[in-house]
Amino acid sequence: MTVLLSPWCLASCGGVQPADEEYVAAPPEGEEEGEESASQDTIEEHFQKADKLLADENGPEALLELQEVARRLDPNDPRMLRYHERIGSVHFAENDFTAAKESYTRAIKLSKDLRVEDAAVADVYTGMGLCLLRERNNAYAAKFFRKALSLDPPKATRKAIEAQLQRIESPAGP
């Protein structure tokens, strides 16, 4: 399986558990409320499918899975942070850094509105840092990487961010 982004950008939602009420839409026509349909997936399953599709370099299909997530979630649900981060990751993988930064900016704003500071938000700051790094804006990228570190990301993420910072901050070799 090919991973397009550094491992820390593919991190999960940082411990945010799905709510009991997964669906906001009415059941499909012909089904009674409460009946399970084999075609209905939970929000977490849509996230997992999107991650797999992104790893398989299928950005358009990953976006469709993520659109289904957005359709089912309240705009102020903390899982929307993960949604925006994943949308940013799809755009990043497609080298559309402007769109990726827009998604990461939405996630940052939502994290501030919801007062969330966790590993999921660290992934957002890391993604923004990676965009800026690809645009050769190293100084600004370093600020986002440092913010990601301040949010106590998982160990593997921390090591990857520290490696990026070391690369940015070390003088160029001979």
N, C-alpha and C. Protein backbone atom coordinates (compact mmCIF):
# COMPACT_ATOMS: atom_id res chain seq x y z
N MET A 1 0.84 -1.17 0.00
CA MET A 1 0.00 0.00 0.00
C MET A 1 0.89 1.24 0.00
N THR A 2 0.65 2.18 -0.89
CA THR A 2 1.43 3.39 -1.00
C THR A 2 0.81 4.48 -0.13
N VAL A 3 1.61 5.12 0.70
CA VAL A 3 1.13 6.22 1.53
C VAL A 3 1.65 7.50 0.91
N LEU A 4 0.74 8.42 0.62
CA LEU A 4 1.12 9.65 -0.05
C LEU A 4 1.63 10.72 0.89
N LEU A 5 1.20 10.67 2.14
CA LEU A 5 1.59 11.68 3.09
C LEU A 5 2.46 11.06 4.16
N SER A 6 3.16 11.89 4.88
CA SER A 6 3.93 11.40 6.00
C SER A 6 2.98 10.74 6.99
N PRO A 7 3.46 9.76 7.75
CA PRO A 7 2.58 8.97 8.60
C PRO A 7 1.73 9.79 9.56
N TRP A 8 2.26 10.89 10.07
CA TRP A 8 1.49 11.63 11.06
C TRP A 8 0.25 12.30 10.46
N CYS A 9 0.23 12.54 9.16
CA CYS A 9 -0.94 13.15 8.54
C CYS A 9 -2.07 12.15 8.34
N LEU A 10 -1.75 10.88 8.42
CA LEU A 10 -2.77 9.86 8.27
C LEU A 10 -3.29 9.39 9.61
N ALA A 11 -2.91 10.09 10.68
CA ALA A 11 -3.35 9.69 12.01
C ALA A 11 -4.87 9.80 12.11
N SER A 12 -5.41 9.06 13.00
CA SER A 12 -6.85 9.01 13.18
C SER A 12 -7.34 10.27 13.87
N CYS A 13 -8.52 10.23 14.40
CA CYS A 13 -9.16 11.42 14.95
C CYS A 13 -8.67 11.77 16.34
N GLY A 14 -7.60 11.18 16.80
CA GLY A 14 -7.01 11.57 18.07
C GLY A 14 -7.85 11.19 19.28
N GLY A 15 -8.51 10.06 19.21
CA GLY A 15 -9.26 9.57 20.36
C GLY A 15 -10.69 10.04 20.43
N VAL A 16 -11.16 10.83 19.46
CA VAL A 16 -12.55 11.25 19.47
C VAL A 16 -13.40 10.06 19.05
N GLN A 17 -14.25 9.61 19.93
CA GLN A 17 -15.07 8.44 19.65
C GLN A 17 -16.34 8.87 18.90
N PRO A 18 -16.79 8.05 17.96
CA PRO A 18 -18.04 8.37 17.27
C PRO A 18 -19.20 8.41 18.26
N ALA A 19 -20.14 9.28 18.01
CA ALA A 19 -21.34 9.37 18.84
C ALA A 19 -22.25 8.18 18.57
N ASP A 20 -23.19 7.95 19.49
CA ASP A 20 -24.12 6.85 19.29
C ASP A 20 -25.01 7.09 18.07
N GLU A 21 -25.41 8.32 17.87
CA GLU A 21 -26.26 8.66 16.73
C GLU A 21 -25.38 8.96 15.54
N GLU A 22 -25.26 8.01 14.63
CA GLU A 22 -24.35 8.17 13.50
C GLU A 22 -24.99 8.89 12.31
N TYR A 23 -26.30 8.75 12.14
CA TYR A 23 -26.91 9.23 10.91
C TYR A 23 -27.85 10.40 11.19
N VAL A 24 -27.74 11.42 10.36
CA VAL A 24 -28.65 12.54 10.46
C VAL A 24 -29.66 12.50 9.33
N ALA A 25 -29.40 11.69 8.34
CA ALA A 25 -30.31 11.58 7.19
C ALA A 25 -31.38 10.54 7.47
N ALA A 26 -32.51 10.69 6.80
CA ALA A 26 -33.58 9.70 6.91
C ALA A 26 -33.12 8.40 6.27
N PRO A 27 -33.69 7.27 6.69
CA PRO A 27 -33.31 6.00 6.07
C PRO A 27 -33.67 6.00 4.59
N PRO A 28 -32.93 5.23 3.78
CA PRO A 28 -33.24 5.16 2.36
C PRO A 28 -34.66 4.69 2.12
N GLU A 29 -35.20 5.11 1.00
CA GLU A 29 -36.57 4.76 0.65
C GLU A 29 -36.75 3.24 0.66
N GLY A 30 -37.85 2.80 1.23
CA GLY A 30 -38.13 1.37 1.27
C GLY A 30 -37.63 0.70 2.53
N GLU A 31 -36.95 1.44 3.40
CA GLU A 31 -36.47 0.87 4.65
C GLU A 31 -37.16 1.56 5.80
N GLU A 32 -37.50 0.80 6.80
CA GLU A 32 -38.09 1.36 8.00
C GLU A 32 -36.97 1.90 8.87
N GLU A 33 -37.31 2.93 9.66
CA GLU A 33 -36.32 3.46 10.59
C GLU A 33 -35.93 2.36 11.56
N GLY A 34 -34.65 2.21 11.81
CA GLY A 34 -34.16 1.17 12.71
C GLY A 34 -33.66 -0.05 11.96
N GLU A 35 -34.09 -0.24 10.71
CA GLU A 35 -33.58 -1.36 9.93
C GLU A 35 -32.16 -1.05 9.49
N GLU A 36 -31.32 -2.06 9.51
CA GLU A 36 -29.95 -1.88 9.06
C GLU A 36 -29.86 -2.21 7.58
N SER A 37 -29.08 -1.46 6.88
CA SER A 37 -28.84 -1.72 5.47
C SER A 37 -27.37 -2.04 5.29
N ALA A 38 -27.09 -3.04 4.48
CA ALA A 38 -25.69 -3.41 4.24
C ALA A 38 -24.94 -2.27 3.57
N SER A 39 -25.66 -1.38 2.89
CA SER A 39 -24.99 -0.29 2.19
C SER A 39 -24.69 0.90 3.10
N GLN A 40 -25.27 0.91 4.31
CA GLN A 40 -25.03 2.03 5.21
C GLN A 40 -23.77 1.77 6.03
N ASP A 41 -22.87 2.74 6.03
CA ASP A 41 -21.65 2.64 6.80
C ASP A 41 -21.67 3.69 7.89
N THR A 42 -20.96 3.43 8.95
CA THR A 42 -20.83 4.43 10.00
C THR A 42 -19.89 5.53 9.53
N ILE A 43 -19.90 6.62 10.25
CA ILE A 43 -19.01 7.72 9.92
C ILE A 43 -17.56 7.26 9.97
N GLU A 44 -17.22 6.48 10.99
CA GLU A 44 -15.84 5.98 11.11
C GLU A 44 -15.47 5.12 9.91
N GLU A 45 -16.40 4.31 9.43
CA GLU A 45 -16.11 3.48 8.25
C GLU A 45 -15.87 4.34 7.01
N HIS A 46 -16.59 5.44 6.89
CA HIS A 46 -16.35 6.35 5.76
C HIS A 46 -14.95 6.98 5.88
N PHE A 47 -14.56 7.36 7.09
CA PHE A 47 -13.21 7.88 7.28
C PHE A 47 -12.17 6.83 6.89
N GLN A 48 -12.38 5.60 7.33
CA GLN A 48 -11.43 4.53 7.02
C GLN A 48 -11.35 4.26 5.52
N LYS A 49 -12.51 4.26 4.86
CA LYS A 49 -12.51 4.06 3.40
C LYS A 49 -11.77 5.20 2.71
N ALA A 50 -12.01 6.43 3.16
CA ALA A 50 -11.32 7.58 2.57
C ALA A 50 -9.81 7.46 2.75
N ASP A 51 -9.38 7.05 3.94
CA ASP A 51 -7.94 6.88 4.18
C ASP A 51 -7.34 5.83 3.25
N LYS A 52 -8.04 4.72 3.08
CA LYS A 52 -7.55 3.67 2.19
C LYS A 52 -7.51 4.15 0.74
N LEU A 53 -8.56 4.84 0.31
CA LEU A 53 -8.58 5.36 -1.05
C LEU A 53 -7.46 6.37 -1.28
N LEU A 54 -7.19 7.20 -0.30
CA LEU A 54 -6.10 8.16 -0.42
C LEU A 54 -4.76 7.44 -0.51
N ALA A 55 -4.59 6.43 0.32
CA ALA A 55 -3.35 5.64 0.28
C ALA A 55 -3.19 4.94 -1.06
N ASP A 56 -4.31 4.58 -1.68
CA ASP A 56 -4.30 3.93 -3.00
C ASP A 56 -4.26 4.95 -4.14
N GLU A 57 -4.01 6.22 -3.80
CA GLU A 57 -3.91 7.30 -4.78
C GLU A 57 -5.21 7.54 -5.54
N ASN A 58 -6.32 7.39 -4.86
CA ASN A 58 -7.63 7.61 -5.47
C ASN A 58 -8.32 8.77 -4.76
N GLY A 59 -7.78 9.96 -4.97
CA GLY A 59 -8.30 11.17 -4.34
C GLY A 59 -9.76 11.45 -4.61
N PRO A 60 -10.23 11.34 -5.88
CA PRO A 60 -11.64 11.64 -6.15
C PRO A 60 -12.61 10.75 -5.36
N GLU A 61 -12.32 9.47 -5.26
CA GLU A 61 -13.19 8.58 -4.49
C GLU A 61 -13.08 8.87 -3.00
N ALA A 62 -11.88 9.23 -2.54
CA ALA A 62 -11.71 9.60 -1.13
C ALA A 62 -12.57 10.82 -0.81
N LEU A 63 -12.61 11.78 -1.73
CA LEU A 63 -13.45 12.97 -1.52
C LEU A 63 -14.92 12.60 -1.41
N LEU A 64 -15.37 11.63 -2.20
CA LEU A 64 -16.77 11.19 -2.12
C LEU A 64 -17.08 10.60 -0.74
N GLU A 65 -16.18 9.79 -0.22
CA GLU A 65 -16.38 9.23 1.12
C GLU A 65 -16.42 10.35 2.16
N LEU A 66 -15.54 11.32 2.01
CA LEU A 66 -15.50 12.43 2.97
C LEU A 66 -16.73 13.32 2.85
N GLN A 67 -17.26 13.46 1.64
CA GLN A 67 -18.50 14.23 1.47
C GLN A 67 -19.65 13.56 2.22
N GLU A 68 -19.64 12.24 2.25
CA GLU A 68 -20.67 11.51 2.99
C GLU A 68 -20.52 11.78 4.49
N VAL A 69 -19.29 11.86 4.97
CA VAL A 69 -19.06 12.20 6.37
C VAL A 69 -19.66 13.57 6.68
N ALA A 70 -19.35 14.55 5.85
CA ALA A 70 -19.83 15.92 6.07
C ALA A 70 -21.35 15.98 6.03
N ARG A 71 -21.96 15.18 5.17
CA ARG A 71 -23.42 15.17 5.07
C ARG A 71 -24.05 14.68 6.37
N ARG A 72 -23.38 13.79 7.05
CA ARG A 72 -23.95 13.16 8.24
C ARG A 72 -23.61 13.86 9.55
N LEU A 73 -22.63 14.74 9.54
CA LEU A 73 -22.20 15.38 10.77
C LEU A 73 -22.72 16.80 10.88
N ASP A 74 -23.00 17.21 12.10
CA ASP A 74 -23.29 18.60 12.40
C ASP A 74 -22.01 19.40 12.15
N PRO A 75 -22.12 20.60 11.61
CA PRO A 75 -20.91 21.38 11.31
C PRO A 75 -20.03 21.66 12.54
N ASN A 76 -20.60 21.59 13.74
CA ASN A 76 -19.82 21.84 14.95
C ASN A 76 -19.43 20.56 15.69
N ASP A 77 -19.61 19.43 15.05
CA ASP A 77 -19.17 18.16 15.64
C ASP A 77 -17.65 18.14 15.62
N PRO A 78 -17.00 17.77 16.72
CA PRO A 78 -15.53 17.74 16.74
C PRO A 78 -14.91 16.85 15.66
N ARG A 79 -15.66 15.87 15.16
CA ARG A 79 -15.13 15.02 14.09
C ARG A 79 -14.98 15.78 12.78
N MET A 80 -15.61 16.96 12.68
CA MET A 80 -15.41 17.78 11.49
C MET A 80 -13.96 18.27 11.39
N LEU A 81 -13.24 18.31 12.51
CA LEU A 81 -11.81 18.63 12.45
C LEU A 81 -11.09 17.59 11.60
N ARG A 82 -11.39 16.34 11.87
CA ARG A 82 -10.78 15.25 11.10
C ARG A 82 -11.21 15.33 9.64
N TYR A 83 -12.48 15.65 9.41
CA TYR A 83 -12.98 15.79 8.04
C TYR A 83 -12.15 16.84 7.28
N HIS A 84 -12.01 18.02 7.86
CA HIS A 84 -11.25 19.08 7.18
C HIS A 84 -9.79 18.69 6.99
N GLU A 85 -9.22 18.01 7.99
CA GLU A 85 -7.83 17.56 7.87
C GLU A 85 -7.69 16.56 6.73
N ARG A 86 -8.63 15.64 6.61
CA ARG A 86 -8.57 14.62 5.55
C ARG A 86 -8.78 15.27 4.18
N ILE A 87 -9.71 16.22 4.07
CA ILE A 87 -9.90 16.95 2.81
C ILE A 87 -8.59 17.65 2.43
N GLY A 88 -7.96 18.29 3.41
CA GLY A 88 -6.67 18.92 3.16
C GLY A 88 -5.63 17.92 2.69
N SER A 89 -5.65 16.72 3.27
CA SER A 89 -4.69 15.68 2.87
C SER A 89 -4.91 15.24 1.43
N VAL A 90 -6.17 15.15 1.01
CA VAL A 90 -6.46 14.78 -0.38
C VAL A 90 -5.91 15.85 -1.31
N HIS A 91 -6.18 17.11 -1.00
CA HIS A 91 -5.67 18.20 -1.85
C HIS A 91 -4.14 18.24 -1.84
N PHE A 92 -3.55 18.00 -0.67
CA PHE A 92 -2.09 17.96 -0.58
C PHE A 92 -1.54 16.87 -1.49
N ALA A 93 -2.14 15.70 -1.46
CA ALA A 93 -1.68 14.57 -2.29
C ALA A 93 -1.80 14.90 -3.77
N GLU A 94 -2.75 15.76 -4.11
CA GLU A 94 -2.94 16.16 -5.51
C GLU A 94 -2.14 17.42 -5.85
N ASN A 95 -1.26 17.83 -4.93
CA ASN A 95 -0.42 19.02 -5.11
C ASN A 95 -1.22 20.30 -5.27
N ASP A 96 -2.42 20.34 -4.73
CA ASP A 96 -3.24 21.55 -4.72
C ASP A 96 -3.10 22.18 -3.34
N PHE A 97 -1.99 22.88 -3.14
CA PHE A 97 -1.66 23.39 -1.82
C PHE A 97 -2.58 24.53 -1.39
N THR A 98 -3.11 25.28 -2.34
CA THR A 98 -4.05 26.35 -1.99
C THR A 98 -5.30 25.75 -1.37
N ALA A 99 -5.87 24.74 -2.02
CA ALA A 99 -7.08 24.09 -1.49
C ALA A 99 -6.77 23.38 -0.17
N ALA A 100 -5.60 22.75 -0.08
CA ALA A 100 -5.22 22.07 1.16
C ALA A 100 -5.15 23.07 2.31
N LYS A 101 -4.50 24.21 2.06
CA LYS A 101 -4.38 25.22 3.12
C LYS A 101 -5.74 25.77 3.52
N GLU A 102 -6.67 25.89 2.56
CA GLU A 102 -8.03 26.34 2.90
C GLU A 102 -8.70 25.34 3.85
N SER A 103 -8.55 24.06 3.58
CA SER A 103 -9.14 23.04 4.45
C SER A 103 -8.49 23.06 5.83
N TYR A 104 -7.18 23.17 5.87
CA TYR A 104 -6.49 23.22 7.16
C TYR A 104 -6.89 24.47 7.93
N THR A 105 -7.07 25.58 7.23
CA THR A 105 -7.50 26.82 7.89
C THR A 105 -8.89 26.66 8.49
N ARG A 106 -9.81 26.00 7.76
CA ARG A 106 -11.15 25.74 8.31
C ARG A 106 -11.05 24.90 9.59
N ALA A 107 -10.19 23.90 9.56
CA ALA A 107 -10.03 23.04 10.73
C ALA A 107 -9.44 23.82 11.90
N ILE A 108 -8.48 24.68 11.64
CA ILE A 108 -7.89 25.48 12.71
C ILE A 108 -8.94 26.39 13.33
N LYS A 109 -9.74 27.04 12.48
CA LYS A 109 -10.80 27.90 13.00
C LYS A 109 -11.79 27.10 13.84
N LEU A 110 -12.19 25.94 13.35
CA LEU A 110 -13.13 25.10 14.09
C LEU A 110 -12.53 24.65 15.42
N SER A 111 -11.25 24.31 15.42
CA SER A 111 -10.61 23.88 16.67
C SER A 111 -10.63 25.00 17.70
N LYS A 112 -10.44 26.23 17.24
CA LYS A 112 -10.49 27.37 18.16
C LYS A 112 -11.92 27.61 18.64
N ASP A 113 -12.89 27.53 17.72
CA ASP A 113 -14.29 27.72 18.11
C ASP A 113 -14.75 26.67 19.12
N LEU A 114 -14.31 25.43 18.93
CA LEU A 114 -14.71 24.33 19.81
C LEU A 114 -13.77 24.16 21.00
N ARG A 115 -12.69 24.95 21.01
CA ARG A 115 -11.67 24.86 22.06
C ARG A 115 -11.11 23.44 22.18
N VAL A 116 -10.74 22.89 21.03
CA VAL A 116 -10.16 21.55 20.97
C VAL A 116 -8.66 21.69 20.69
N GLU A 117 -7.87 21.03 21.51
CA GLU A 117 -6.42 20.97 21.30
C GLU A 117 -5.99 19.55 21.59
N ASP A 118 -5.87 18.75 20.52
CA ASP A 118 -5.49 17.35 20.70
C ASP A 118 -4.70 16.88 19.49
N ALA A 119 -4.50 15.57 19.40
CA ALA A 119 -3.70 15.00 18.31
C ALA A 119 -4.30 15.30 16.94
N ALA A 120 -5.63 15.34 16.86
CA ALA A 120 -6.27 15.65 15.57
C ALA A 120 -5.89 17.05 15.12
N VAL A 121 -5.85 17.98 16.05
CA VAL A 121 -5.47 19.36 15.72
C VAL A 121 -3.98 19.42 15.39
N ALA A 122 -3.18 18.60 16.06
CA ALA A 122 -1.75 18.53 15.73
C ALA A 122 -1.58 18.10 14.27
N ASP A 123 -2.41 17.16 13.81
CA ASP A 123 -2.35 16.73 12.41
C ASP A 123 -2.67 17.88 11.46
N VAL A 124 -3.61 18.73 11.85
CA VAL A 124 -3.98 19.88 11.02
C VAL A 124 -2.79 20.83 10.89
N TYR A 125 -2.18 21.17 12.02
CA TYR A 125 -1.03 22.08 11.98
C TYR A 125 0.13 21.45 11.21
N THR A 126 0.29 20.15 11.33
CA THR A 126 1.34 19.46 10.59
C THR A 126 1.07 19.54 9.09
N GLY A 127 -0.18 19.30 8.70
CA GLY A 127 -0.54 19.39 7.29
C GLY A 127 -0.29 20.77 6.72
N MET A 128 -0.66 21.80 7.49
CA MET A 128 -0.41 23.17 7.04
C MET A 128 1.09 23.41 6.91
N GLY A 129 1.85 22.91 7.87
CA GLY A 129 3.31 23.05 7.80
C GLY A 129 3.88 22.38 6.57
N LEU A 130 3.37 21.20 6.23
CA LEU A 130 3.84 20.50 5.03
C LEU A 130 3.53 21.29 3.76
N CYS A 131 2.34 21.89 3.71
CA CYS A 131 1.99 22.72 2.54
C CYS A 131 2.98 23.88 2.41
N LEU A 132 3.22 24.55 3.51
CA LEU A 132 4.13 25.69 3.48
C LEU A 132 5.54 25.27 3.13
N LEU A 133 5.94 24.11 3.60
CA LEU A 133 7.26 23.58 3.26
C LEU A 133 7.37 23.32 1.77
N ARG A 134 6.33 22.74 1.19
CA ARG A 134 6.33 22.47 -0.26
C ARG A 134 6.35 23.76 -1.06
N GLU A 135 5.80 24.83 -0.48
CA GLU A 135 5.82 26.13 -1.14
C GLU A 135 7.10 26.92 -0.81
N ARG A 136 8.02 26.26 -0.13
CA ARG A 136 9.32 26.82 0.25
C ARG A 136 9.21 28.00 1.22
N ASN A 137 8.16 27.99 2.01
CA ASN A 137 7.99 29.00 3.05
C ASN A 137 8.41 28.35 4.38
N ASN A 138 9.70 28.07 4.48
CA ASN A 138 10.23 27.28 5.59
C ASN A 138 10.01 27.92 6.96
N ALA A 139 10.20 29.22 7.05
CA ALA A 139 10.06 29.89 8.35
C ALA A 139 8.63 29.76 8.88
N TYR A 140 7.67 29.98 8.01
CA TYR A 140 6.26 29.87 8.42
C TYR A 140 5.90 28.41 8.69
N ALA A 141 6.43 27.50 7.89
CA ALA A 141 6.19 26.07 8.11
C ALA A 141 6.68 25.67 9.50
N ALA A 142 7.85 26.17 9.89
CA ALA A 142 8.41 25.83 11.20
C ALA A 142 7.47 26.26 12.33
N LYS A 143 6.81 27.41 12.17
CA LYS A 143 5.86 27.87 13.19
C LYS A 143 4.71 26.88 13.35
N PHE A 144 4.21 26.37 12.23
CA PHE A 144 3.11 25.41 12.29
C PHE A 144 3.58 24.08 12.88
N PHE A 145 4.79 23.66 12.54
CA PHE A 145 5.33 22.43 13.11
C PHE A 145 5.51 22.57 14.63
N ARG A 146 5.98 23.73 15.07
CA ARG A 146 6.15 23.94 16.52
C ARG A 146 4.80 23.93 17.23
N LYS A 147 3.79 24.52 16.60
CA LYS A 147 2.45 24.49 17.20
C LYS A 147 1.96 23.05 17.28
N ALA A 148 2.18 22.27 16.25
CA ALA A 148 1.78 20.86 16.27
C ALA A 148 2.46 20.13 17.42
N LEU A 149 3.73 20.40 17.65
CA LEU A 149 4.45 19.77 18.76
C LEU A 149 3.87 20.16 20.11
N SER A 150 3.39 21.39 20.22
CA SER A 150 2.83 21.86 21.49
C SER A 150 1.51 21.16 21.83
N LEU A 151 0.91 20.48 20.85
CA LEU A 151 -0.38 19.81 21.06
C LEU A 151 -0.20 18.34 21.43
N ASP A 152 1.01 17.96 21.77
CA ASP A 152 1.33 16.60 22.23
C ASP A 152 0.87 15.52 21.26
N PRO A 153 1.44 15.53 20.04
CA PRO A 153 1.08 14.50 19.06
C PRO A 153 1.64 13.14 19.47
N PRO A 154 1.16 12.07 18.86
CA PRO A 154 1.72 10.74 19.15
C PRO A 154 3.22 10.71 18.86
N LYS A 155 3.90 9.74 19.45
CA LYS A 155 5.37 9.66 19.37
C LYS A 155 5.89 9.66 17.93
N ALA A 156 5.29 8.86 17.06
CA ALA A 156 5.76 8.79 15.66
C ALA A 156 5.59 10.14 14.97
N THR A 157 4.48 10.80 15.24
CA THR A 157 4.23 12.12 14.66
C THR A 157 5.26 13.11 15.18
N ARG A 158 5.49 13.07 16.48
CA ARG A 158 6.47 13.98 17.09
C ARG A 158 7.84 13.81 16.44
N LYS A 159 8.27 12.59 16.25
CA LYS A 159 9.59 12.33 15.64
C LYS A 159 9.64 12.87 14.22
N ALA A 160 8.57 12.67 13.46
CA ALA A 160 8.54 13.14 12.07
C ALA A 160 8.57 14.67 12.02
N ILE A 161 7.83 15.31 12.91
CA ILE A 161 7.82 16.78 12.95
C ILE A 161 9.20 17.30 13.35
N GLU A 162 9.78 16.68 14.37
CA GLU A 162 11.11 17.10 14.81
C GLU A 162 12.14 16.95 13.70
N ALA A 163 12.02 15.90 12.90
CA ALA A 163 12.93 15.72 11.76
C ALA A 163 12.74 16.83 10.74
N GLN A 164 11.49 17.22 10.48
CA GLN A 164 11.23 18.32 9.55
C GLN A 164 11.83 19.62 10.09
N LEU A 165 11.63 19.87 11.37
CA LEU A 165 12.18 21.09 11.97
C LEU A 165 13.70 21.11 11.91
N GLN A 166 14.31 19.98 12.18
CA GLN A 166 15.77 19.90 12.12
C GLN A 166 16.26 20.18 10.71
N ARG A 167 15.56 19.64 9.73
CA ARG A 167 15.93 19.87 8.33
C ARG A 167 15.80 21.35 7.96
N ILE A 168 14.72 21.98 8.44
CA ILE A 168 14.49 23.40 8.15
C ILE A 168 15.54 24.27 8.82
N GLU A 169 15.84 23.95 10.07
CA GLU A 169 16.67 24.84 10.88
C GLU A 169 18.16 24.58 10.76
N SER A 170 18.55 23.45 10.20
CA SER A 170 19.99 23.18 10.07
C SER A 170 20.54 23.90 8.85
N PRO A 171 21.77 24.41 8.97
CA PRO A 171 22.37 25.10 7.83
C PRO A 171 22.57 24.12 6.67
N ALA A 172 22.50 24.66 5.48
CA ALA A 172 22.66 23.82 4.28
C ALA A 172 24.05 23.20 4.27
N GLY A 173 24.10 21.96 3.83
CA GLY A 173 25.37 21.23 3.76
C GLY A 173 26.24 21.73 2.62
N PRO A 174 27.46 21.16 2.51
CA PRO A 174 28.40 21.61 1.47
C PRO A 174 27.92 21.33 0.08
